[in-house]
């Protein structure tokens, strides 16, 4: 992606409360990793990374895989993940041109952990639903 593809430059989108000289500590207010954590673990970011962990996707196929995401939201999510260095965007030299998304080395590491969390949660759905039902019953 070129600088003209992004809506704002890094300086314009940088959080003024973040000190780039700080050591990484996600619990510290000014830590640079907080935004990347939010981007990777938000609903659409986590699902996009988990899907891309299966292999490269063209935009339309990725949108079908991540059921429920709008075109605009997926586009914004992919741009954010690309900016964070987790996703690679490649324009394929075809007619018409097509765009393919894949994980970077860092993105693959992050996606592996997110996929493991997703698999853990999926395997525990009966316990989760039972807990939600019990909680809701106590609150009524």
N, C-alpha and C. Protein backbone atom coordinates (compact mmCIF):
# COMPACT_ATOMS: atom_id res chain seq x y z
N UNK A 1 0.85 -1.16 0.00
CA UNK A 1 0.00 0.00 0.00
C UNK A 1 0.89 1.22 0.00
N UNK A 2 0.56 2.21 -0.80
CA UNK A 2 1.34 3.43 -0.85
C UNK A 2 0.76 4.43 0.13
N UNK A 3 1.50 5.51 0.36
CA UNK A 3 1.04 6.52 1.30
C UNK A 3 -0.25 7.18 0.84
N UNK A 4 -0.53 7.13 -0.45
CA UNK A 4 -1.77 7.72 -0.94
C UNK A 4 -2.97 6.82 -0.68
N UNK A 5 -2.73 5.54 -0.37
CA UNK A 5 -3.82 4.61 -0.08
C UNK A 5 -4.37 4.76 1.33
N UNK A 6 -3.59 5.33 2.23
CA UNK A 6 -4.03 5.45 3.61
C UNK A 6 -4.73 6.78 3.81
N UNK A 7 -5.77 6.80 4.66
CA UNK A 7 -6.51 8.02 4.86
C UNK A 7 -5.72 9.09 5.60
N UNK A 8 -4.76 8.68 6.42
CA UNK A 8 -3.99 9.62 7.21
C UNK A 8 -2.55 9.13 7.29
N UNK A 9 -1.63 10.06 7.45
CA UNK A 9 -0.25 9.65 7.64
C UNK A 9 -0.08 9.13 9.06
N UNK A 10 1.03 8.45 9.31
CA UNK A 10 1.28 7.90 10.64
C UNK A 10 1.31 9.01 11.68
N UNK A 11 1.87 10.17 11.32
CA UNK A 11 1.92 11.28 12.27
C UNK A 11 0.53 11.79 12.61
N UNK A 12 -0.37 11.78 11.62
CA UNK A 12 -1.72 12.26 11.86
C UNK A 12 -2.53 11.29 12.70
N UNK A 13 -2.25 9.98 12.59
CA UNK A 13 -3.03 8.98 13.31
C UNK A 13 -2.37 8.53 14.61
N UNK A 14 -1.13 8.94 14.85
CA UNK A 14 -0.44 8.53 16.06
C UNK A 14 -1.16 9.10 17.29
N UNK A 15 -1.24 8.28 18.31
CA UNK A 15 -1.87 8.71 19.56
C UNK A 15 -0.91 9.65 20.28
N UNK A 16 -1.33 10.89 20.58
CA UNK A 16 -0.43 11.83 21.23
C UNK A 16 -0.06 11.40 22.65
N UNK A 17 -0.81 10.46 23.24
CA UNK A 17 -0.51 9.97 24.58
C UNK A 17 0.51 8.84 24.58
N UNK A 18 0.92 8.37 23.40
CA UNK A 18 1.86 7.27 23.30
C UNK A 18 3.27 7.81 23.16
N UNK A 19 4.15 7.36 24.02
CA UNK A 19 5.55 7.75 23.98
C UNK A 19 6.34 6.65 23.28
N UNK A 20 6.86 6.91 22.07
CA UNK A 20 7.56 5.86 21.32
C UNK A 20 8.84 5.39 21.99
N UNK A 21 9.33 6.10 22.99
CA UNK A 21 10.57 5.71 23.66
C UNK A 21 10.33 4.78 24.83
N UNK A 22 9.08 4.55 25.21
CA UNK A 22 8.78 3.68 26.35
C UNK A 22 9.05 2.22 26.02
N UNK A 23 9.44 1.49 27.05
CA UNK A 23 9.57 0.04 26.92
C UNK A 23 8.18 -0.54 26.82
N UNK A 24 8.03 -1.61 26.05
CA UNK A 24 6.71 -2.21 25.85
C UNK A 24 6.17 -2.80 27.14
N UNK A 25 5.01 -2.32 27.54
CA UNK A 25 4.27 -2.84 28.69
C UNK A 25 2.81 -2.50 28.42
N UNK A 26 2.06 -3.48 27.94
CA UNK A 26 0.68 -3.25 27.51
C UNK A 26 -0.19 -2.68 28.62
N UNK A 27 0.19 -2.86 29.86
CA UNK A 27 -0.59 -2.32 30.97
C UNK A 27 -0.31 -0.84 31.23
N UNK A 28 0.75 -0.31 30.62
CA UNK A 28 1.08 1.11 30.76
C UNK A 28 0.26 1.91 29.75
N UNK A 29 -0.33 3.00 30.19
CA UNK A 29 -1.19 3.82 29.36
C UNK A 29 -0.55 4.22 28.04
N UNK A 30 0.71 4.56 28.05
CA UNK A 30 1.37 5.06 26.85
C UNK A 30 2.05 4.01 25.99
N UNK A 31 1.80 2.73 26.26
CA UNK A 31 2.50 1.68 25.52
C UNK A 31 2.01 1.58 24.08
N UNK A 32 2.96 1.49 23.17
CA UNK A 32 2.65 1.38 21.74
C UNK A 32 1.92 0.10 21.38
N UNK A 33 2.06 -0.92 22.20
CA UNK A 33 1.45 -2.21 21.87
C UNK A 33 -0.06 -2.22 22.09
N UNK A 34 -0.58 -1.28 22.85
CA UNK A 34 -2.03 -1.29 23.14
C UNK A 34 -2.89 -1.21 21.88
N UNK A 35 -2.56 -0.34 20.97
CA UNK A 35 -3.37 -0.19 19.77
C UNK A 35 -3.24 -1.42 18.88
N UNK A 36 -2.05 -1.96 18.77
CA UNK A 36 -1.87 -3.18 17.98
C UNK A 36 -2.64 -4.34 18.60
N UNK A 37 -2.65 -4.42 19.93
CA UNK A 37 -3.44 -5.45 20.62
C UNK A 37 -4.92 -5.28 20.32
N UNK A 38 -5.39 -4.06 20.39
CA UNK A 38 -6.79 -3.78 20.09
C UNK A 38 -7.13 -4.14 18.65
N UNK A 39 -6.25 -3.79 17.72
CA UNK A 39 -6.50 -4.08 16.30
C UNK A 39 -6.53 -5.58 16.03
N UNK A 40 -5.63 -6.32 16.64
CA UNK A 40 -5.53 -7.76 16.39
C UNK A 40 -6.62 -8.56 17.10
N UNK A 41 -7.08 -8.07 18.25
CA UNK A 41 -8.03 -8.86 19.03
C UNK A 41 -9.46 -8.35 18.96
N UNK A 42 -9.69 -7.27 18.25
CA UNK A 42 -11.06 -6.82 18.03
C UNK A 42 -11.80 -7.86 17.20
N UNK A 43 -13.11 -7.77 17.17
CA UNK A 43 -13.91 -8.79 16.49
C UNK A 43 -13.44 -9.05 15.07
N UNK A 44 -13.34 -8.03 14.26
CA UNK A 44 -13.01 -8.25 12.85
C UNK A 44 -11.54 -8.54 12.65
N UNK A 45 -10.67 -7.92 13.45
CA UNK A 45 -9.24 -8.19 13.33
C UNK A 45 -8.91 -9.64 13.66
N UNK A 46 -9.47 -10.15 14.75
CA UNK A 46 -9.21 -11.53 15.15
C UNK A 46 -9.74 -12.51 14.10
N UNK A 47 -10.93 -12.25 13.58
CA UNK A 47 -11.49 -13.15 12.58
C UNK A 47 -10.72 -13.09 11.26
N UNK A 48 -10.29 -11.90 10.86
CA UNK A 48 -9.50 -11.78 9.63
C UNK A 48 -8.17 -12.49 9.77
N UNK A 49 -7.50 -12.32 10.91
CA UNK A 49 -6.23 -12.99 11.13
C UNK A 49 -6.40 -14.51 11.17
N UNK A 50 -7.45 -14.98 11.84
CA UNK A 50 -7.69 -16.43 11.90
C UNK A 50 -7.98 -16.99 10.51
N UNK A 51 -8.74 -16.27 9.72
CA UNK A 51 -9.03 -16.72 8.36
C UNK A 51 -7.76 -16.75 7.52
N UNK A 52 -6.96 -15.71 7.61
CA UNK A 52 -5.72 -15.64 6.83
C UNK A 52 -4.70 -16.68 7.32
N UNK A 53 -4.89 -17.18 8.54
CA UNK A 53 -4.03 -18.25 9.04
C UNK A 53 -4.24 -19.54 8.23
N UNK A 54 -5.38 -19.63 7.54
CA UNK A 54 -5.67 -20.77 6.67
C UNK A 54 -4.93 -20.67 5.33
N UNK A 55 -4.51 -19.46 4.99
CA UNK A 55 -3.82 -19.23 3.72
C UNK A 55 -4.24 -17.90 3.13
N UNK A 56 -3.60 -17.49 2.02
CA UNK A 56 -3.94 -16.21 1.38
C UNK A 56 -5.39 -16.20 0.88
N UNK A 57 -5.97 -15.03 0.90
CA UNK A 57 -7.34 -14.84 0.41
C UNK A 57 -7.39 -13.59 -0.45
N UNK A 58 -8.21 -13.64 -1.49
CA UNK A 58 -8.59 -12.42 -2.19
C UNK A 58 -9.68 -11.76 -1.35
N UNK A 59 -9.87 -10.47 -1.54
CA UNK A 59 -10.77 -9.69 -0.68
C UNK A 59 -12.17 -10.30 -0.61
N UNK A 60 -12.76 -10.59 -1.76
CA UNK A 60 -14.14 -11.08 -1.77
C UNK A 60 -14.26 -12.44 -1.08
N UNK A 61 -13.27 -13.29 -1.26
CA UNK A 61 -13.29 -14.61 -0.60
C UNK A 61 -13.12 -14.45 0.91
N UNK A 62 -12.29 -13.52 1.32
CA UNK A 62 -12.09 -13.27 2.75
C UNK A 62 -13.37 -12.71 3.37
N UNK A 63 -14.04 -11.85 2.63
CA UNK A 63 -15.30 -11.29 3.13
C UNK A 63 -16.35 -12.40 3.30
N UNK A 64 -16.39 -13.34 2.39
CA UNK A 64 -17.32 -14.48 2.53
C UNK A 64 -16.93 -15.35 3.73
N UNK A 65 -15.63 -15.52 3.94
CA UNK A 65 -15.15 -16.36 5.04
C UNK A 65 -15.49 -15.73 6.40
N UNK A 66 -15.33 -14.41 6.50
CA UNK A 66 -15.62 -13.69 7.74
C UNK A 66 -17.07 -13.21 7.63
N UNK A 67 -17.97 -14.12 7.81
CA UNK A 67 -19.40 -13.88 7.63
C UNK A 67 -19.88 -12.75 8.54
N UNK A 68 -20.59 -11.79 7.94
CA UNK A 68 -21.18 -10.70 8.70
C UNK A 68 -20.42 -9.39 8.63
N UNK A 69 -19.17 -9.40 8.18
CA UNK A 69 -18.39 -8.17 8.10
C UNK A 69 -18.79 -7.42 6.83
N UNK A 70 -18.92 -6.11 6.96
CA UNK A 70 -19.23 -5.30 5.78
C UNK A 70 -17.96 -5.10 4.97
N UNK A 71 -18.14 -4.75 3.71
CA UNK A 71 -17.00 -4.49 2.84
C UNK A 71 -16.13 -3.37 3.40
N UNK A 72 -16.78 -2.32 3.85
CA UNK A 72 -16.05 -1.17 4.39
C UNK A 72 -15.27 -1.55 5.65
N UNK A 73 -15.91 -2.28 6.56
CA UNK A 73 -15.25 -2.65 7.81
C UNK A 73 -14.08 -3.59 7.55
N UNK A 74 -14.24 -4.54 6.63
CA UNK A 74 -13.14 -5.44 6.31
C UNK A 74 -11.99 -4.67 5.69
N UNK A 75 -12.29 -3.75 4.81
CA UNK A 75 -11.26 -2.94 4.18
C UNK A 75 -10.48 -2.14 5.23
N UNK A 76 -11.19 -1.51 6.15
CA UNK A 76 -10.54 -0.74 7.22
C UNK A 76 -9.70 -1.65 8.11
N UNK A 77 -10.25 -2.81 8.44
CA UNK A 77 -9.55 -3.75 9.30
C UNK A 77 -8.26 -4.22 8.64
N UNK A 78 -8.31 -4.57 7.36
CA UNK A 78 -7.12 -5.03 6.66
C UNK A 78 -6.07 -3.92 6.55
N UNK A 79 -6.51 -2.69 6.32
CA UNK A 79 -5.56 -1.58 6.27
C UNK A 79 -4.87 -1.40 7.61
N UNK A 80 -5.63 -1.51 8.69
CA UNK A 80 -5.07 -1.36 10.03
C UNK A 80 -4.08 -2.48 10.33
N UNK A 81 -4.45 -3.71 9.99
CA UNK A 81 -3.56 -4.85 10.22
C UNK A 81 -2.31 -4.77 9.35
N UNK A 82 -2.47 -4.24 8.15
CA UNK A 82 -1.31 -4.03 7.27
C UNK A 82 -0.39 -2.98 7.87
N UNK A 83 -0.96 -1.91 8.39
CA UNK A 83 -0.17 -0.84 9.01
C UNK A 83 0.60 -1.37 10.21
N UNK A 84 -0.01 -2.29 10.96
CA UNK A 84 0.64 -2.88 12.13
C UNK A 84 1.67 -3.95 11.76
N UNK A 85 1.78 -4.27 10.47
CA UNK A 85 2.77 -5.24 10.03
C UNK A 85 2.32 -6.68 10.15
N UNK A 86 1.01 -6.91 10.27
CA UNK A 86 0.49 -8.27 10.42
C UNK A 86 -0.01 -8.87 9.12
N UNK A 87 -0.40 -8.01 8.19
CA UNK A 87 -0.99 -8.46 6.92
C UNK A 87 -0.21 -7.85 5.76
N UNK A 88 -0.04 -8.66 4.72
CA UNK A 88 0.60 -8.20 3.48
C UNK A 88 -0.47 -8.11 2.39
N UNK A 89 -0.51 -7.00 1.69
CA UNK A 89 -1.45 -6.78 0.59
C UNK A 89 -0.66 -6.81 -0.71
N UNK A 90 -1.09 -7.66 -1.64
CA UNK A 90 -0.40 -7.78 -2.92
C UNK A 90 -1.40 -7.61 -4.06
N UNK A 91 -1.09 -6.70 -4.97
CA UNK A 91 -1.92 -6.51 -6.15
C UNK A 91 -1.40 -7.47 -7.21
N UNK A 92 -2.27 -8.38 -7.64
CA UNK A 92 -1.90 -9.38 -8.64
C UNK A 92 -2.04 -8.77 -10.03
N UNK A 93 -1.06 -8.99 -10.85
CA UNK A 93 -1.04 -8.43 -12.20
C UNK A 93 -1.91 -9.27 -13.13
N UNK A 94 -3.21 -9.14 -12.98
CA UNK A 94 -4.17 -9.84 -13.82
C UNK A 94 -5.10 -8.80 -14.43
N UNK A 95 -5.91 -9.24 -15.37
CA UNK A 95 -6.91 -8.35 -15.95
C UNK A 95 -8.27 -8.95 -15.63
N UNK A 96 -9.09 -8.30 -14.84
CA UNK A 96 -8.79 -7.08 -14.09
C UNK A 96 -7.85 -7.38 -12.92
N UNK A 97 -7.17 -6.35 -12.41
CA UNK A 97 -6.26 -6.55 -11.28
C UNK A 97 -7.02 -7.10 -10.07
N UNK A 98 -6.37 -7.98 -9.33
CA UNK A 98 -6.95 -8.56 -8.13
C UNK A 98 -5.99 -8.34 -6.98
N UNK A 99 -6.56 -8.26 -5.78
CA UNK A 99 -5.75 -8.04 -4.59
C UNK A 99 -5.83 -9.29 -3.72
N UNK A 100 -4.68 -9.71 -3.22
CA UNK A 100 -4.62 -10.88 -2.34
C UNK A 100 -3.99 -10.47 -1.01
N UNK A 101 -4.54 -11.00 0.06
CA UNK A 101 -4.03 -10.71 1.39
C UNK A 101 -3.44 -11.97 1.99
N UNK A 102 -2.34 -11.81 2.70
CA UNK A 102 -1.70 -12.92 3.39
C UNK A 102 -1.08 -12.38 4.68
N UNK A 103 -0.64 -13.29 5.51
CA UNK A 103 -0.02 -12.90 6.78
C UNK A 103 1.47 -12.67 6.59
N UNK A 104 2.00 -11.71 7.31
CA UNK A 104 3.44 -11.53 7.40
C UNK A 104 3.95 -12.56 8.41
N UNK A 105 5.24 -12.62 8.60
CA UNK A 105 5.79 -13.54 9.60
C UNK A 105 5.23 -13.20 10.99
N UNK A 106 5.21 -11.92 11.31
CA UNK A 106 4.64 -11.50 12.59
C UNK A 106 3.15 -11.82 12.65
N UNK A 107 2.45 -11.56 11.56
CA UNK A 107 1.02 -11.85 11.51
C UNK A 107 0.73 -13.33 11.71
N UNK A 108 1.58 -14.19 11.16
CA UNK A 108 1.40 -15.64 11.33
C UNK A 108 1.58 -16.03 12.79
N UNK A 109 2.55 -15.42 13.47
CA UNK A 109 2.74 -15.70 14.90
C UNK A 109 1.52 -15.27 15.71
N UNK A 110 1.01 -14.09 15.43
CA UNK A 110 -0.17 -13.57 16.14
C UNK A 110 -1.39 -14.42 15.82
N UNK A 111 -1.59 -14.72 14.54
CA UNK A 111 -2.76 -15.50 14.10
C UNK A 111 -2.76 -16.89 14.72
N UNK A 112 -1.59 -17.48 14.89
CA UNK A 112 -1.50 -18.81 15.51
C UNK A 112 -2.05 -18.77 16.94
N UNK A 113 -1.71 -17.73 17.67
CA UNK A 113 -2.18 -17.60 19.06
C UNK A 113 -3.69 -17.30 19.09
N UNK A 114 -4.14 -16.44 18.20
CA UNK A 114 -5.57 -16.12 18.15
C UNK A 114 -6.37 -17.35 17.75
N UNK A 115 -5.87 -18.11 16.79
CA UNK A 115 -6.55 -19.33 16.36
C UNK A 115 -6.64 -20.34 17.51
N UNK A 116 -5.57 -20.45 18.29
CA UNK A 116 -5.59 -21.35 19.46
C UNK A 116 -6.65 -20.90 20.46
N UNK A 117 -6.77 -19.60 20.68
CA UNK A 117 -7.80 -19.09 21.60
C UNK A 117 -9.20 -19.37 21.05
N UNK A 118 -9.38 -19.16 19.77
CA UNK A 118 -10.68 -19.43 19.14
C UNK A 118 -11.04 -20.91 19.30
N UNK A 119 -10.08 -21.78 19.03
CA UNK A 119 -10.33 -23.22 19.16
C UNK A 119 -10.66 -23.61 20.59
N UNK A 120 -9.98 -23.01 21.56
CA UNK A 120 -10.27 -23.28 22.97
C UNK A 120 -11.70 -22.85 23.30
N UNK A 121 -12.08 -21.65 22.89
CA UNK A 121 -13.43 -21.16 23.17
C UNK A 121 -14.49 -22.01 22.47
N UNK A 122 -14.25 -22.37 21.22
CA UNK A 122 -15.21 -23.21 20.49
C UNK A 122 -15.39 -24.56 21.18
N UNK A 123 -14.31 -25.11 21.71
CA UNK A 123 -14.41 -26.42 22.37
C UNK A 123 -15.15 -26.35 23.70
N UNK A 124 -15.31 -25.16 24.23
CA UNK A 124 -15.95 -24.99 25.53
C UNK A 124 -17.33 -24.33 25.44
N UNK A 125 -17.91 -24.29 24.24
CA UNK A 125 -19.20 -23.62 24.06
C UNK A 125 -20.28 -24.17 24.99
N UNK A 126 -20.42 -25.48 25.19
CA UNK A 126 -21.45 -25.94 26.12
C UNK A 126 -21.29 -25.37 27.53
N UNK A 127 -20.05 -25.31 28.03
CA UNK A 127 -19.80 -24.74 29.36
C UNK A 127 -20.11 -23.23 29.38
N UNK A 128 -19.74 -22.56 28.31
CA UNK A 128 -19.97 -21.12 28.21
C UNK A 128 -21.47 -20.83 28.20
N UNK A 129 -22.22 -21.56 27.39
CA UNK A 129 -23.67 -21.36 27.31
C UNK A 129 -24.32 -21.67 28.66
N UNK A 130 -23.89 -22.73 29.32
CA UNK A 130 -24.44 -23.08 30.63
C UNK A 130 -24.16 -21.97 31.64
N UNK A 131 -22.96 -21.44 31.62
CA UNK A 131 -22.59 -20.36 32.53
C UNK A 131 -23.42 -19.10 32.24
N UNK A 132 -23.61 -18.78 30.97
CA UNK A 132 -24.42 -17.61 30.60
C UNK A 132 -25.86 -17.78 31.07
N UNK A 133 -26.39 -18.98 30.90
CA UNK A 133 -27.77 -19.27 31.30
C UNK A 133 -27.92 -19.12 32.81
N UNK A 134 -26.97 -19.68 33.57
CA UNK A 134 -27.00 -19.56 35.03
C UNK A 134 -26.89 -18.09 35.46
N UNK A 135 -25.99 -17.37 34.86
CA UNK A 135 -25.80 -15.95 35.19
C UNK A 135 -27.08 -15.17 34.92
N UNK A 136 -27.65 -15.37 33.72
CA UNK A 136 -28.88 -14.65 33.35
C UNK A 136 -30.02 -14.98 34.30
N UNK A 137 -30.11 -16.24 34.73
CA UNK A 137 -31.17 -16.64 35.66
C UNK A 137 -31.01 -15.95 37.01
N UNK A 138 -29.77 -15.79 37.47
CA UNK A 138 -29.51 -15.11 38.75
C UNK A 138 -29.84 -13.62 38.66
N UNK A 139 -29.69 -13.03 37.49
CA UNK A 139 -29.88 -11.59 37.32
C UNK A 139 -31.35 -11.20 37.14
N UNK A 140 -32.21 -12.18 36.93
CA UNK A 140 -33.64 -11.84 36.69
C UNK A 140 -34.43 -11.82 37.95
